[in-house]
């Protein structure tokens, strides 16, 4: 029974998903300023283009 439990890989999916989430959160934390600047620049362009369309 212990041998079967040790060879079982049912929990590997959950561990992998948790590790991926941790890596993604770390990347966002490291590049937070760059991501914020990029999003702000995109929104400014969208707003500027929207004003051009409606004027």
C-alpha atoms as a PDB file:
ATOM      1  CA  UNK A   1       0.000   0.000   0.000  1.00  0.00           C
ATOM      2  CA  UNK A   2       2.831   2.439   0.841  1.00  0.00           C
ATOM      3  CA  UNK A   3       4.666   1.497  -2.357  1.00  0.00           C
ATOM      4  CA  UNK A   4       1.550   2.223  -4.419  1.00  0.00           C
ATOM      5  CA  UNK A   5       1.107   5.569  -2.669  1.00  0.00           C
ATOM      6  CA  UNK A   6       4.721   6.590  -3.329  1.00  0.00           C
ATOM      7  CA  UNK A   7       4.433   5.703  -7.024  1.00  0.00           C
ATOM      8  CA  UNK A   8       1.120   7.503  -7.478  1.00  0.00           C
ATOM      9  CA  UNK A   9       1.375  10.751  -9.457  1.00  0.00           C
ATOM     10  CA  UNK A  10      -2.144  12.054  -8.888  1.00  0.00           C
ATOM     11  CA  UNK A  11      -0.974  15.109  -6.924  1.00  0.00           C
ATOM     12  CA  UNK A  12       1.613  16.188  -9.467  1.00  0.00           C
ATOM     13  CA  UNK A  13      -0.882  18.297 -11.432  1.00  0.00           C
ATOM     14  CA  UNK A  14      -1.773  20.435  -8.417  1.00  0.00           C
ATOM     15  CA  UNK A  15       1.885  20.963  -7.496  1.00  0.00           C
ATOM     16  CA  UNK A  16       2.739  21.982 -11.050  1.00  0.00           C
ATOM     17  CA  UNK A  17      -0.150  24.448 -11.200  1.00  0.00           C
ATOM     18  CA  UNK A  18       0.885  25.990  -7.870  1.00  0.00           C
ATOM     19  CA  UNK A  19       4.486  26.355  -9.066  1.00  0.00           C
ATOM     20  CA  UNK A  20       3.347  28.008 -12.299  1.00  0.00           C
ATOM     21  CA  UNK A  21       1.190  30.455 -10.347  1.00  0.00           C
ATOM     22  CA  UNK A  22       4.105  31.288  -8.046  1.00  0.00           C
ATOM     23  CA  UNK A  23       6.378  31.937 -11.031  1.00  0.00           C
ATOM     24  CA  UNK A  24       3.780  34.168 -12.706  1.00  0.00           C
ATOM     25  CA  UNK A  25       3.229  36.174  -9.519  1.00  0.00           C
ATOM     26  CA  UNK A  26       6.992  36.596  -9.144  1.00  0.00           C
ATOM     27  CA  UNK A  27       7.342  37.843 -12.725  1.00  0.00           C
ATOM     28  CA  UNK A  28       4.530  40.341 -12.204  1.00  0.00           C
ATOM     29  CA  UNK A  29       6.112  41.541  -8.955  1.00  0.00           C
ATOM     30  CA  UNK A  30       9.529  41.976 -10.579  1.00  0.00           C
ATOM     31  CA  UNK A  31       8.252  43.786 -13.683  1.00  0.00           C
ATOM     32  CA  UNK A  32       5.383  45.655 -12.034  1.00  0.00           C
ATOM     33  CA  UNK A  33       6.587  49.134 -13.012  1.00  0.00           C
ATOM     34  CA  UNK A  34       7.189  48.160 -16.632  1.00  0.00           C
ATOM     35  CA  UNK A  35       3.791  46.459 -16.883  1.00  0.00           C
ATOM     36  CA  UNK A  36       2.076  49.510 -15.376  1.00  0.00           C
ATOM     37  CA  UNK A  37       3.845  51.851 -17.807  1.00  0.00           C
ATOM     38  CA  UNK A  38       2.907  49.679 -20.761  1.00  0.00           C
ATOM     39  CA  UNK A  39      -0.756  49.462 -19.757  1.00  0.00           C
ATOM     40  CA  UNK A  40      -0.931  53.222 -19.171  1.00  0.00           C
ATOM     41  CA  UNK A  41       0.607  53.912 -22.591  1.00  0.00           C
ATOM     42  CA  UNK A  42      -1.872  51.563 -24.253  1.00  0.00           C
ATOM     43  CA  UNK A  43      -4.834  53.244 -22.517  1.00  0.00           C
ATOM     44  CA  UNK A  44      -3.580  56.699 -23.539  1.00  0.00           C
ATOM     45  CA  UNK A  45      -3.382  55.569 -27.169  1.00  0.00           C
ATOM     46  CA  UNK A  46      -6.855  54.053 -27.012  1.00  0.00           C
ATOM     47  CA  UNK A  47      -8.312  57.231 -25.502  1.00  0.00           C
ATOM     48  CA  UNK A  48      -6.524  59.448 -28.041  1.00  0.00           C
ATOM     49  CA  UNK A  49      -7.714  57.326 -30.956  1.00  0.00           C
ATOM     50  CA  UNK A  50     -11.251  57.217 -29.564  1.00  0.00           C
ATOM     51  CA  UNK A  51     -11.306  61.021 -29.356  1.00  0.00           C
ATOM     52  CA  UNK A  52     -10.127  61.218 -32.977  1.00  0.00           C
ATOM     53  CA  UNK A  53     -12.960  58.949 -34.076  1.00  0.00           C
ATOM     54  CA  UNK A  54     -15.680  60.887 -32.250  1.00  0.00           C
ATOM     55  CA  UNK A  55     -14.433  64.350 -33.256  1.00  0.00           C
END
